[in-house]
């Protein structure tokens, strides 16, 4: 009986959290008026299939803003365990589409979870800088997203966030196209992944520069 009551309680809590998330999404659209721009060469149809989405990390709001702005895409978001494990917000992370990753240790458990997400037909959002870029300059990209791409053959799509999260001003999301990079090419995997990460970083930097000029 206790187990039934416990499961019922968890189900009700999950429903309440999902309703709260939908209301939060509505407020996000009102406050930040998301503008989605597809860069030249971007394939909108590709986003309907399981993808590895990578984005620059400008603010702690990024992890909720991107899936709320691109709400038609079912995506799971990688979040550092430092935030995931906080008692006040852990219940939300556990009931919504978030995957914990420990950046302080050699944690590869997130790869297995992300792989399952992609195999189930959903996408994964990763912030390859691993932390906030305070002055707007992109930090070095960590190659974990390419390790996942190598395991799954899922396309990697760069997404650039721009706008500064000013209330009642448009917050931009720029959707780019795939970088022509072979994650399976011969050579030392660590060297290849580092090379690919640098190419994607440059791609995102170019996207942001193009947007600033327009």
N, C-alpha and C. Protein backbone atom coordinates (compact mmCIF):
# COMPACT_ATOMS: atom_id res chain seq x y z
N UNK A 1 0.82 -1.21 0.00
CA UNK A 1 0.00 0.00 0.00
C UNK A 1 0.86 1.27 0.00
N UNK A 2 1.93 1.22 0.82
CA UNK A 2 2.84 2.36 0.90
C UNK A 2 3.50 2.62 -0.44
N UNK A 3 3.87 1.51 -1.13
CA UNK A 3 4.51 1.66 -2.44
C UNK A 3 3.56 2.29 -3.45
N UNK A 4 2.28 1.90 -3.40
CA UNK A 4 1.29 2.46 -4.32
C UNK A 4 1.11 3.95 -4.07
N UNK A 5 1.01 4.32 -2.78
CA UNK A 5 0.85 5.73 -2.41
C UNK A 5 2.08 6.54 -2.83
N UNK A 6 3.26 5.91 -2.68
CA UNK A 6 4.51 6.59 -3.05
C UNK A 6 4.56 6.84 -4.55
N UNK A 7 4.19 5.81 -5.34
CA UNK A 7 4.19 5.95 -6.80
C UNK A 7 3.16 6.99 -7.25
N UNK A 8 1.99 6.97 -6.59
CA UNK A 8 0.94 7.94 -6.92
C UNK A 8 1.42 9.35 -6.63
N UNK A 9 2.09 9.50 -5.48
CA UNK A 9 2.63 10.82 -5.11
C UNK A 9 3.64 11.32 -6.11
N UNK A 10 4.52 10.41 -6.57
CA UNK A 10 5.53 10.78 -7.57
C UNK A 10 4.87 11.18 -8.88
N UNK A 11 3.83 10.45 -9.28
CA UNK A 11 3.13 10.73 -10.54
C UNK A 11 2.47 12.11 -10.49
N UNK A 12 1.82 12.40 -9.37
CA UNK A 12 1.15 13.70 -9.21
C UNK A 12 2.17 14.82 -9.23
N UNK A 13 3.29 14.60 -8.52
CA UNK A 13 4.35 15.61 -8.47
C UNK A 13 4.90 15.87 -9.86
N UNK A 14 5.11 14.80 -10.63
CA UNK A 14 5.64 14.94 -11.99
C UNK A 14 4.68 15.75 -12.87
N UNK A 15 3.39 15.49 -12.73
CA UNK A 15 2.39 16.23 -13.51
C UNK A 15 2.42 17.71 -13.15
N UNK A 16 2.50 18.00 -11.84
CA UNK A 16 2.54 19.39 -11.37
C UNK A 16 3.78 20.11 -11.92
N UNK A 17 4.93 19.42 -11.89
CA UNK A 17 6.17 20.02 -12.38
C UNK A 17 6.08 20.30 -13.88
N UNK A 18 5.50 19.40 -14.65
CA UNK A 18 5.37 19.60 -16.09
C UNK A 18 4.40 20.74 -16.41
N UNK A 19 3.36 20.88 -15.63
CA UNK A 19 2.44 22.02 -15.82
C UNK A 19 3.16 23.32 -15.51
N UNK A 20 3.92 23.31 -14.40
CA UNK A 20 4.68 24.51 -14.01
C UNK A 20 5.69 24.88 -15.09
N UNK A 21 6.30 23.86 -15.72
CA UNK A 21 7.28 24.10 -16.78
C UNK A 21 6.63 24.75 -18.00
N UNK A 22 5.42 24.31 -18.33
CA UNK A 22 4.70 24.90 -19.47
C UNK A 22 4.36 26.37 -19.19
N UNK A 23 3.99 26.67 -17.95
CA UNK A 23 3.69 28.06 -17.57
C UNK A 23 4.97 28.89 -17.63
N UNK A 24 6.07 28.30 -17.15
CA UNK A 24 7.38 28.96 -17.19
C UNK A 24 7.79 29.24 -18.63
N UNK A 25 7.53 28.29 -19.52
CA UNK A 25 7.85 28.48 -20.95
C UNK A 25 7.08 29.66 -21.53
N UNK A 26 5.82 29.77 -21.15
CA UNK A 26 5.00 30.90 -21.61
C UNK A 26 5.60 32.23 -21.15
N UNK A 27 6.02 32.30 -19.89
CA UNK A 27 6.63 33.52 -19.37
C UNK A 27 7.97 33.82 -20.07
N UNK A 28 8.71 32.77 -20.41
CA UNK A 28 9.97 32.95 -21.14
C UNK A 28 9.72 33.61 -22.48
N UNK A 29 8.68 33.16 -23.18
CA UNK A 29 8.35 33.75 -24.48
C UNK A 29 7.90 35.21 -24.34
N UNK A 30 7.23 35.52 -23.26
CA UNK A 30 6.78 36.90 -23.03
C UNK A 30 7.96 37.80 -22.67
N UNK A 31 8.84 37.32 -21.79
CA UNK A 31 9.94 38.14 -21.29
C UNK A 31 11.06 38.33 -22.32
N UNK A 32 11.41 37.24 -23.04
CA UNK A 32 12.61 37.29 -23.89
C UNK A 32 12.31 37.17 -25.39
N UNK A 33 11.08 36.99 -25.76
CA UNK A 33 10.65 37.01 -27.16
C UNK A 33 11.65 36.30 -28.08
N UNK A 34 11.83 35.00 -27.91
CA UNK A 34 12.83 34.26 -28.69
C UNK A 34 12.70 34.47 -30.20
N UNK A 35 13.85 34.72 -30.83
CA UNK A 35 13.90 34.85 -32.28
C UNK A 35 14.82 33.76 -32.81
N UNK A 36 14.27 32.85 -33.60
CA UNK A 36 15.06 31.75 -34.16
C UNK A 36 15.48 32.11 -35.58
N UNK A 37 16.77 32.15 -35.82
CA UNK A 37 17.30 32.48 -37.15
C UNK A 37 18.09 31.30 -37.68
N UNK A 38 17.73 30.84 -38.87
CA UNK A 38 18.46 29.75 -39.51
C UNK A 38 19.52 30.35 -40.43
N UNK A 39 20.77 30.06 -40.13
CA UNK A 39 21.87 30.60 -40.90
C UNK A 39 21.91 29.95 -42.28
N UNK A 40 22.64 30.58 -43.19
CA UNK A 40 22.74 30.05 -44.55
C UNK A 40 23.28 28.62 -44.53
N UNK A 41 22.58 27.73 -45.19
CA UNK A 41 23.00 26.32 -45.25
C UNK A 41 22.38 25.45 -44.18
N UNK A 42 21.68 26.05 -43.21
CA UNK A 42 21.08 25.27 -42.14
C UNK A 42 19.91 24.45 -42.68
N UNK A 43 19.80 23.22 -42.22
CA UNK A 43 18.75 22.32 -42.69
C UNK A 43 17.70 22.17 -41.60
N UNK A 44 16.55 22.82 -41.76
CA UNK A 44 15.50 22.76 -40.74
C UNK A 44 15.00 21.34 -40.52
N UNK A 45 14.94 20.55 -41.61
CA UNK A 45 14.42 19.20 -41.52
C UNK A 45 15.28 18.32 -40.61
N UNK A 46 16.60 18.63 -40.56
CA UNK A 46 17.51 17.82 -39.77
C UNK A 46 17.16 17.87 -38.29
N UNK A 47 16.61 19.00 -37.84
CA UNK A 47 16.27 19.16 -36.43
C UNK A 47 15.10 18.28 -36.02
N UNK A 48 14.38 17.75 -37.00
CA UNK A 48 13.27 16.85 -36.69
C UNK A 48 13.76 15.45 -36.35
N UNK A 49 15.03 15.18 -36.64
CA UNK A 49 15.65 13.90 -36.33
C UNK A 49 16.54 14.06 -35.10
N UNK A 50 16.93 12.97 -34.45
CA UNK A 50 17.81 13.07 -33.27
C UNK A 50 19.13 13.76 -33.63
N UNK A 51 19.46 14.80 -32.89
CA UNK A 51 20.67 15.59 -33.14
C UNK A 51 21.43 15.82 -31.85
N UNK A 52 22.72 16.10 -32.00
CA UNK A 52 23.52 16.61 -30.89
C UNK A 52 23.61 18.12 -31.12
N UNK A 53 22.94 18.88 -30.28
CA UNK A 53 22.95 20.33 -30.39
C UNK A 53 24.02 20.88 -29.46
N UNK A 54 24.87 21.76 -29.97
CA UNK A 54 25.88 22.37 -29.11
C UNK A 54 25.67 23.88 -29.12
N UNK A 55 25.83 24.51 -27.95
CA UNK A 55 25.58 25.94 -27.85
C UNK A 55 26.63 26.62 -27.00
N UNK A 56 26.84 27.91 -27.25
CA UNK A 56 27.70 28.70 -26.38
C UNK A 56 26.98 28.92 -25.06
N UNK A 57 27.75 29.17 -24.01
CA UNK A 57 27.16 29.28 -22.66
C UNK A 57 27.33 30.70 -22.15
N UNK A 58 26.26 31.49 -22.26
CA UNK A 58 26.33 32.91 -21.93
C UNK A 58 25.77 33.23 -20.55
N UNK A 59 24.88 32.34 -20.04
CA UNK A 59 24.15 32.63 -18.81
C UNK A 59 23.55 31.33 -18.28
N UNK A 60 23.28 31.29 -16.97
CA UNK A 60 22.67 30.08 -16.40
C UNK A 60 21.28 29.83 -16.97
N UNK A 61 20.68 30.84 -17.59
CA UNK A 61 19.35 30.67 -18.18
C UNK A 61 19.39 29.84 -19.46
N UNK A 62 20.57 29.69 -20.07
CA UNK A 62 20.69 29.00 -21.35
C UNK A 62 20.05 27.60 -21.34
N UNK A 63 20.29 26.87 -20.24
CA UNK A 63 19.84 25.49 -20.17
C UNK A 63 18.33 25.31 -20.15
N UNK A 64 17.62 26.36 -19.79
CA UNK A 64 16.16 26.31 -19.85
C UNK A 64 15.63 27.06 -21.06
N UNK A 65 16.32 28.15 -21.44
CA UNK A 65 15.84 28.98 -22.54
C UNK A 65 15.83 28.25 -23.88
N UNK A 66 16.91 27.55 -24.20
CA UNK A 66 17.00 26.88 -25.52
C UNK A 66 15.89 25.84 -25.71
N UNK A 67 15.70 24.91 -24.77
CA UNK A 67 14.59 23.95 -24.99
C UNK A 67 13.21 24.60 -24.95
N UNK A 68 13.08 25.73 -24.25
CA UNK A 68 11.79 26.43 -24.24
C UNK A 68 11.57 27.17 -25.55
N UNK A 69 12.63 27.77 -26.09
CA UNK A 69 12.51 28.49 -27.36
C UNK A 69 12.31 27.51 -28.52
N UNK A 70 13.02 26.38 -28.47
CA UNK A 70 12.89 25.35 -29.50
C UNK A 70 12.00 24.23 -28.96
N UNK A 71 10.82 24.60 -28.48
CA UNK A 71 9.97 23.66 -27.75
C UNK A 71 9.42 22.53 -28.62
N UNK A 72 9.49 22.68 -29.92
CA UNK A 72 9.00 21.59 -30.79
C UNK A 72 10.01 20.46 -30.90
N UNK A 73 11.22 20.70 -30.43
CA UNK A 73 12.26 19.67 -30.46
C UNK A 73 12.38 19.05 -29.07
N UNK A 74 12.20 17.75 -28.98
CA UNK A 74 12.36 17.07 -27.70
C UNK A 74 13.85 16.90 -27.44
N UNK A 75 14.37 17.64 -26.47
CA UNK A 75 15.80 17.57 -26.20
C UNK A 75 16.08 17.39 -24.71
N UNK A 76 17.13 16.67 -24.43
CA UNK A 76 17.63 16.53 -23.06
C UNK A 76 18.87 17.42 -22.94
N UNK A 77 19.00 18.09 -21.82
CA UNK A 77 20.07 19.07 -21.64
C UNK A 77 21.09 18.57 -20.63
N UNK A 78 22.36 18.65 -20.99
CA UNK A 78 23.42 18.31 -20.04
C UNK A 78 23.59 19.46 -19.05
N UNK A 79 23.60 19.12 -17.76
CA UNK A 79 23.79 20.13 -16.72
C UNK A 79 24.82 19.61 -15.72
N UNK A 80 25.70 20.48 -15.27
CA UNK A 80 26.73 20.06 -14.33
C UNK A 80 26.11 19.55 -13.03
N UNK A 81 26.72 18.52 -12.46
CA UNK A 81 26.20 17.92 -11.22
C UNK A 81 26.17 18.93 -10.08
N UNK A 82 27.02 19.96 -10.18
CA UNK A 82 27.04 21.00 -9.14
C UNK A 82 25.68 21.67 -9.02
N UNK A 83 24.98 21.82 -10.16
CA UNK A 83 23.63 22.39 -10.18
C UNK A 83 22.58 21.30 -10.05
N UNK A 84 22.79 20.20 -10.74
CA UNK A 84 21.81 19.11 -10.75
C UNK A 84 21.52 18.61 -9.33
N UNK A 85 22.55 18.56 -8.50
CA UNK A 85 22.41 17.98 -7.16
C UNK A 85 21.94 18.97 -6.09
N UNK A 86 21.72 20.22 -6.46
CA UNK A 86 21.23 21.19 -5.47
C UNK A 86 19.84 20.76 -4.99
N UNK A 87 19.65 20.70 -3.68
CA UNK A 87 18.41 20.19 -3.11
C UNK A 87 17.18 20.98 -3.56
N UNK A 88 17.35 22.29 -3.70
CA UNK A 88 16.18 23.14 -4.01
C UNK A 88 15.66 22.95 -5.44
N UNK A 89 16.51 22.50 -6.35
CA UNK A 89 16.09 22.39 -7.75
C UNK A 89 16.26 20.99 -8.33
N UNK A 90 16.83 20.05 -7.56
CA UNK A 90 17.06 18.71 -8.06
C UNK A 90 15.78 18.02 -8.52
N UNK A 91 14.70 18.27 -7.81
CA UNK A 91 13.42 17.64 -8.13
C UNK A 91 12.93 18.02 -9.53
N UNK A 92 13.26 19.25 -9.96
CA UNK A 92 12.87 19.70 -11.30
C UNK A 92 13.74 19.02 -12.36
N UNK A 93 15.06 18.97 -12.11
CA UNK A 93 15.95 18.31 -13.05
C UNK A 93 15.58 16.84 -13.23
N UNK A 94 15.23 16.16 -12.15
CA UNK A 94 14.91 14.73 -12.20
C UNK A 94 13.61 14.46 -12.97
N UNK A 95 12.68 15.40 -12.93
CA UNK A 95 11.39 15.19 -13.57
C UNK A 95 11.30 15.78 -14.97
N UNK A 96 12.29 16.57 -15.36
CA UNK A 96 12.32 17.14 -16.70
C UNK A 96 13.47 16.51 -17.48
N UNK A 97 13.73 16.98 -18.68
CA UNK A 97 14.72 16.32 -19.55
C UNK A 97 16.12 16.90 -19.32
N UNK A 98 16.77 16.46 -18.24
CA UNK A 98 18.13 16.91 -17.94
C UNK A 98 19.01 15.72 -17.60
N UNK A 99 20.27 15.81 -17.98
CA UNK A 99 21.25 14.76 -17.72
C UNK A 99 22.40 15.37 -16.92
N UNK A 100 22.72 14.75 -15.81
CA UNK A 100 23.80 15.26 -14.95
C UNK A 100 25.17 14.83 -15.48
N UNK A 101 26.15 15.75 -15.41
CA UNK A 101 27.52 15.42 -15.76
C UNK A 101 28.46 16.03 -14.72
N UNK A 102 29.36 15.23 -14.21
CA UNK A 102 30.31 15.68 -13.20
C UNK A 102 31.57 16.19 -13.91
N UNK A 103 31.77 17.49 -13.87
CA UNK A 103 32.91 18.10 -14.57
C UNK A 103 34.19 18.06 -13.73
N UNK A 104 34.05 17.65 -12.47
CA UNK A 104 35.21 17.62 -11.59
C UNK A 104 35.97 16.29 -11.68
N UNK A 105 35.31 15.28 -12.25
CA UNK A 105 35.92 13.96 -12.35
C UNK A 105 35.79 13.43 -13.78
N UNK A 106 36.44 12.30 -14.03
CA UNK A 106 36.32 11.64 -15.34
C UNK A 106 34.97 10.91 -15.38
N UNK A 107 33.93 11.63 -15.71
CA UNK A 107 32.57 11.08 -15.69
C UNK A 107 32.10 10.83 -17.11
N UNK A 108 31.99 9.54 -17.46
CA UNK A 108 31.50 9.17 -18.79
C UNK A 108 30.09 8.60 -18.76
N UNK A 109 29.47 8.59 -17.58
CA UNK A 109 28.12 8.03 -17.46
C UNK A 109 27.11 8.81 -18.29
N UNK A 110 27.37 10.11 -18.46
CA UNK A 110 26.45 10.94 -19.24
C UNK A 110 26.38 10.48 -20.70
N UNK A 111 27.48 9.93 -21.20
CA UNK A 111 27.51 9.49 -22.60
C UNK A 111 26.51 8.35 -22.82
N UNK A 112 26.47 7.39 -21.88
CA UNK A 112 25.53 6.28 -22.00
C UNK A 112 24.09 6.79 -21.97
N UNK A 113 23.81 7.76 -21.09
CA UNK A 113 22.46 8.31 -20.97
C UNK A 113 22.09 9.10 -22.24
N UNK A 114 23.04 9.89 -22.72
CA UNK A 114 22.79 10.67 -23.94
C UNK A 114 22.61 9.77 -25.15
N UNK A 115 23.37 8.69 -25.18
CA UNK A 115 23.26 7.71 -26.28
C UNK A 115 21.86 7.11 -26.32
N UNK A 116 21.32 6.77 -25.15
CA UNK A 116 19.97 6.21 -25.07
C UNK A 116 18.92 7.22 -25.53
N UNK A 117 19.14 8.48 -25.17
CA UNK A 117 18.22 9.54 -25.59
C UNK A 117 18.16 9.61 -27.11
N UNK A 118 19.33 9.61 -27.74
CA UNK A 118 19.39 9.67 -29.20
C UNK A 118 18.78 8.42 -29.85
N UNK A 119 19.03 7.28 -29.24
CA UNK A 119 18.46 6.03 -29.76
C UNK A 119 16.94 6.02 -29.64
N UNK A 120 16.41 6.78 -28.66
CA UNK A 120 14.96 6.87 -28.47
C UNK A 120 14.33 7.95 -29.35
N UNK A 121 15.13 8.56 -30.23
CA UNK A 121 14.58 9.50 -31.19
C UNK A 121 14.52 10.94 -30.72
N UNK A 122 15.22 11.27 -29.62
CA UNK A 122 15.24 12.64 -29.11
C UNK A 122 16.65 13.22 -29.22
N UNK A 123 16.76 14.53 -29.03
CA UNK A 123 18.04 15.21 -29.20
C UNK A 123 18.70 15.52 -27.86
N UNK A 124 19.97 15.90 -27.93
CA UNK A 124 20.74 16.23 -26.72
C UNK A 124 21.37 17.61 -26.92
N UNK A 125 21.26 18.46 -25.90
CA UNK A 125 21.88 19.79 -25.94
C UNK A 125 23.08 19.80 -25.00
N UNK A 126 24.23 20.20 -25.55
CA UNK A 126 25.48 20.23 -24.79
C UNK A 126 26.11 21.62 -24.90
N UNK A 127 26.67 22.09 -23.78
CA UNK A 127 27.43 23.34 -23.78
C UNK A 127 28.91 22.96 -23.69
N UNK A 128 29.61 22.86 -24.84
CA UNK A 128 30.98 22.32 -24.86
C UNK A 128 32.03 23.19 -24.15
N UNK A 129 31.69 24.45 -23.84
CA UNK A 129 32.66 25.26 -23.08
C UNK A 129 32.78 24.76 -21.64
N UNK A 130 31.71 24.16 -21.13
CA UNK A 130 31.75 23.59 -19.79
C UNK A 130 31.50 24.59 -18.68
N UNK A 131 31.54 25.88 -19.01
CA UNK A 131 31.26 26.93 -18.02
C UNK A 131 30.91 28.21 -18.76
N UNK A 132 30.49 29.22 -18.01
CA UNK A 132 30.05 30.46 -18.64
C UNK A 132 31.22 31.23 -19.23
N UNK A 133 31.00 31.82 -20.40
CA UNK A 133 31.99 32.72 -21.01
C UNK A 133 31.58 34.15 -20.64
N UNK A 134 32.20 34.69 -19.63
CA UNK A 134 31.74 35.94 -19.01
C UNK A 134 31.83 37.17 -19.91
N UNK A 135 32.86 37.27 -20.73
CA UNK A 135 33.03 38.48 -21.53
C UNK A 135 32.53 38.31 -22.97
N UNK A 136 31.84 37.21 -23.23
CA UNK A 136 31.31 36.99 -24.58
C UNK A 136 32.26 36.26 -25.51
N UNK A 137 33.53 36.13 -25.09
CA UNK A 137 34.51 35.40 -25.91
C UNK A 137 34.35 33.90 -25.68
N UNK A 138 34.24 33.15 -26.75
CA UNK A 138 34.07 31.71 -26.62
C UNK A 138 35.29 31.07 -25.98
N UNK A 139 35.05 30.19 -25.02
CA UNK A 139 36.13 29.43 -24.40
C UNK A 139 36.45 28.21 -25.27
N UNK A 140 37.48 27.50 -24.92
CA UNK A 140 37.84 26.28 -25.66
C UNK A 140 36.71 25.27 -25.55
N UNK A 141 36.38 24.61 -26.65
CA UNK A 141 35.34 23.59 -26.65
C UNK A 141 35.92 22.25 -26.21
N UNK A 142 35.29 21.61 -25.23
CA UNK A 142 35.67 20.27 -24.83
C UNK A 142 35.07 19.27 -25.83
N UNK A 143 35.81 18.23 -26.21
CA UNK A 143 35.38 17.37 -27.32
C UNK A 143 34.38 16.27 -26.99
N UNK A 144 33.79 16.29 -25.79
CA UNK A 144 32.87 15.22 -25.41
C UNK A 144 31.72 15.04 -26.39
N UNK A 145 31.23 16.14 -26.97
CA UNK A 145 30.10 16.05 -27.91
C UNK A 145 30.47 15.27 -29.16
N UNK A 146 31.75 15.33 -29.54
CA UNK A 146 32.20 14.59 -30.72
C UNK A 146 32.41 13.11 -30.40
N UNK A 147 32.75 12.82 -29.15
CA UNK A 147 32.83 11.42 -28.72
C UNK A 147 31.44 10.78 -28.83
N UNK A 148 30.42 11.54 -28.43
CA UNK A 148 29.05 11.06 -28.54
C UNK A 148 28.65 10.89 -30.01
N UNK A 149 29.07 11.84 -30.84
CA UNK A 149 28.78 11.75 -32.28
C UNK A 149 29.45 10.53 -32.90
N UNK A 150 30.64 10.23 -32.44
CA UNK A 150 31.38 9.07 -32.97
C UNK A 150 30.68 7.76 -32.61
N UNK A 151 30.07 7.72 -31.43
CA UNK A 151 29.38 6.52 -30.96
C UNK A 151 28.01 6.32 -31.63
N UNK A 152 27.38 7.43 -31.99
CA UNK A 152 25.99 7.36 -32.45
C UNK A 152 25.78 7.75 -33.91
N UNK A 153 26.76 8.44 -34.50
CA UNK A 153 26.63 8.98 -35.86
C UNK A 153 25.52 10.02 -35.96
N UNK A 154 25.11 10.57 -34.83
CA UNK A 154 24.11 11.64 -34.84
C UNK A 154 24.75 12.93 -35.35
N UNK A 155 24.03 13.72 -36.14
CA UNK A 155 24.59 14.98 -36.63
C UNK A 155 24.79 15.99 -35.50
N UNK A 156 25.85 16.78 -35.60
CA UNK A 156 26.12 17.83 -34.62
C UNK A 156 25.70 19.17 -35.23
N UNK A 157 24.78 19.85 -34.57
CA UNK A 157 24.27 21.13 -35.07
C UNK A 157 24.64 22.25 -34.09
N UNK A 158 25.39 23.26 -34.55
CA UNK A 158 25.75 24.37 -33.66
C UNK A 158 24.61 25.37 -33.50
N UNK A 159 24.41 25.82 -32.28
CA UNK A 159 23.40 26.83 -31.97
C UNK A 159 24.08 27.96 -31.21
N UNK A 160 23.97 29.17 -31.71
CA UNK A 160 24.59 30.32 -31.05
C UNK A 160 23.53 31.18 -30.37
N UNK A 161 23.77 31.47 -29.09
CA UNK A 161 22.83 32.26 -28.29
C UNK A 161 23.35 33.69 -28.19
N UNK A 162 22.45 34.64 -28.43
CA UNK A 162 22.86 36.05 -28.42
C UNK A 162 21.70 36.91 -27.93
N UNK A 163 22.02 37.93 -27.13
CA UNK A 163 20.95 38.84 -26.72
C UNK A 163 21.06 39.41 -25.32
N UNK A 164 21.74 38.70 -24.42
CA UNK A 164 21.96 39.24 -23.08
C UNK A 164 20.81 39.09 -22.11
N UNK A 165 19.72 38.44 -22.52
CA UNK A 165 18.57 38.21 -21.66
C UNK A 165 18.04 39.49 -21.03
N UNK A 166 17.81 40.48 -21.86
CA UNK A 166 17.18 41.72 -21.39
C UNK A 166 15.66 41.56 -21.48
N UNK A 167 14.98 41.83 -20.42
CA UNK A 167 13.53 41.62 -20.37
C UNK A 167 12.83 42.46 -21.43
N UNK A 168 11.91 41.81 -22.13
CA UNK A 168 11.09 42.41 -23.18
C UNK A 168 11.91 42.85 -24.39
N UNK A 169 13.14 42.29 -24.52
CA UNK A 169 13.95 42.45 -25.73
C UNK A 169 14.15 41.05 -26.33
N UNK A 170 14.35 40.99 -27.62
CA UNK A 170 14.48 39.71 -28.29
C UNK A 170 15.79 39.01 -27.94
N UNK A 171 15.67 37.77 -27.54
CA UNK A 171 16.83 36.91 -27.30
C UNK A 171 16.96 35.99 -28.51
N UNK A 172 18.13 36.02 -29.13
CA UNK A 172 18.31 35.32 -30.41
C UNK A 172 18.91 33.93 -30.25
N UNK A 173 18.44 33.04 -31.09
CA UNK A 173 19.07 31.72 -31.25
C UNK A 173 19.38 31.56 -32.74
N UNK A 174 20.65 31.37 -33.03
CA UNK A 174 21.09 31.17 -34.41
C UNK A 174 21.35 29.68 -34.62
N UNK A 175 20.69 29.10 -35.60
CA UNK A 175 20.86 27.68 -35.90
C UNK A 175 21.75 27.53 -37.11
N UNK A 176 22.87 26.84 -36.94
CA UNK A 176 23.83 26.69 -38.03
C UNK A 176 23.68 25.35 -38.75
N UNK A 177 24.61 25.09 -39.65
CA UNK A 177 24.61 23.82 -40.38
C UNK A 177 25.76 22.95 -39.89
N UNK A 178 25.77 21.72 -40.32
CA UNK A 178 26.82 20.78 -39.91
C UNK A 178 28.19 21.22 -40.43
N UNK A 179 29.19 20.97 -39.62
CA UNK A 179 30.57 21.22 -40.05
C UNK A 179 31.05 19.96 -40.78
N UNK A 180 31.73 20.15 -41.87
CA UNK A 180 32.23 19.02 -42.65
C UNK A 180 33.45 18.42 -41.93
N UNK A 181 33.16 17.54 -40.97
CA UNK A 181 34.24 16.92 -40.18
C UNK A 181 33.92 15.45 -39.95
N UNK A 182 34.87 14.59 -40.26
CA UNK A 182 34.69 13.15 -40.14
C UNK A 182 35.18 12.67 -38.77
N UNK A 183 34.25 12.32 -37.89
CA UNK A 183 34.63 11.88 -36.54
C UNK A 183 35.25 10.49 -36.54
N UNK A 184 35.15 9.79 -37.69
CA UNK A 184 35.68 8.42 -37.77
C UNK A 184 37.03 8.36 -38.50
N UNK A 185 37.59 9.50 -38.85
CA UNK A 185 38.82 9.43 -39.64
C UNK A 185 39.97 8.83 -38.83
N UNK A 186 40.94 8.25 -39.54
CA UNK A 186 42.04 7.54 -38.90
C UNK A 186 42.94 8.50 -38.13
N UNK A 187 43.52 7.99 -37.05
CA UNK A 187 44.42 8.79 -36.24
C UNK A 187 44.10 8.65 -34.76
N UNK A 188 44.88 9.33 -33.93
CA UNK A 188 44.63 9.28 -32.49
C UNK A 188 43.31 9.97 -32.19
N UNK A 189 42.37 9.26 -31.56
CA UNK A 189 41.05 9.85 -31.28
C UNK A 189 41.12 11.17 -30.53
N UNK A 190 42.02 11.28 -29.55
CA UNK A 190 42.11 12.51 -28.76
C UNK A 190 42.50 13.70 -29.63
N UNK A 191 43.41 13.46 -30.58
CA UNK A 191 43.86 14.53 -31.47
C UNK A 191 42.74 14.92 -32.44
N UNK A 192 42.08 13.90 -32.98
CA UNK A 192 40.99 14.13 -33.94
C UNK A 192 39.84 14.89 -33.29
N UNK A 193 39.46 14.46 -32.07
CA UNK A 193 38.36 15.12 -31.36
C UNK A 193 38.69 16.57 -31.03
N UNK A 194 39.94 16.82 -30.66
CA UNK A 194 40.36 18.19 -30.34
C UNK A 194 40.31 19.07 -31.58
N UNK A 195 40.74 18.50 -32.71
CA UNK A 195 40.70 19.24 -33.98
C UNK A 195 39.25 19.59 -34.35
N UNK A 196 38.36 18.61 -34.20
CA UNK A 196 36.96 18.83 -34.53
C UNK A 196 36.31 19.86 -33.62
N UNK A 197 36.64 19.80 -32.32
CA UNK A 197 36.08 20.75 -31.36
C UNK A 197 36.49 22.17 -31.72
N UNK A 198 37.74 22.34 -32.16
CA UNK A 198 38.23 23.67 -32.55
C UNK A 198 37.50 24.17 -33.80
N UNK A 199 37.18 23.26 -34.73
CA UNK A 199 36.45 23.65 -35.95
C UNK A 199 35.03 24.11 -35.61
N UNK A 200 34.38 23.40 -34.69
CA UNK A 200 33.02 23.79 -34.29
C UNK A 200 33.03 25.10 -33.51
N UNK A 201 34.07 25.31 -32.72
CA UNK A 201 34.19 26.59 -32.01
C UNK A 201 34.31 27.74 -33.00
N UNK A 202 35.14 27.56 -34.04
CA UNK A 202 35.31 28.59 -35.05
C UNK A 202 34.01 28.83 -35.80
N UNK A 203 33.27 27.75 -36.07
CA UNK A 203 31.99 27.86 -36.75
C UNK A 203 31.02 28.72 -35.95
N UNK A 204 30.97 28.48 -34.64
CA UNK A 204 30.06 29.24 -33.79
C UNK A 204 30.49 30.71 -33.68
N UNK A 205 31.78 30.92 -33.63
CA UNK A 205 32.31 32.28 -33.58
C UNK A 205 31.93 33.04 -34.85
N UNK A 206 32.02 32.39 -35.99
CA UNK A 206 31.65 33.00 -37.27
C UNK A 206 30.14 33.32 -37.30
N UNK A 207 29.33 32.43 -36.74
CA UNK A 207 27.89 32.66 -36.69
C UNK A 207 27.57 33.91 -35.88
N UNK A 208 28.22 34.06 -34.75
CA UNK A 208 27.98 35.21 -33.88
C UNK A 208 28.44 36.51 -34.54
N UNK A 209 29.58 36.46 -35.23
CA UNK A 209 30.09 37.65 -35.94
C UNK A 209 29.15 38.06 -37.05
N UNK A 210 28.64 37.07 -37.79
CA UNK A 210 27.70 37.36 -38.89
C UNK A 210 26.44 38.02 -38.34
N UNK A 211 25.98 37.50 -37.21
CA UNK A 211 24.75 38.05 -36.60
C UNK A 211 24.97 39.47 -36.10
N UNK A 212 26.15 39.76 -35.56
CA UNK A 212 26.44 41.10 -35.04
C UNK A 212 26.54 42.15 -36.15
N UNK A 213 26.94 41.69 -37.35
CA UNK A 213 27.08 42.61 -38.48
C UNK A 213 25.72 42.96 -39.08
N UNK A 214 24.77 42.05 -38.92
CA UNK A 214 23.44 42.25 -39.58
C UNK A 214 22.55 43.18 -38.76
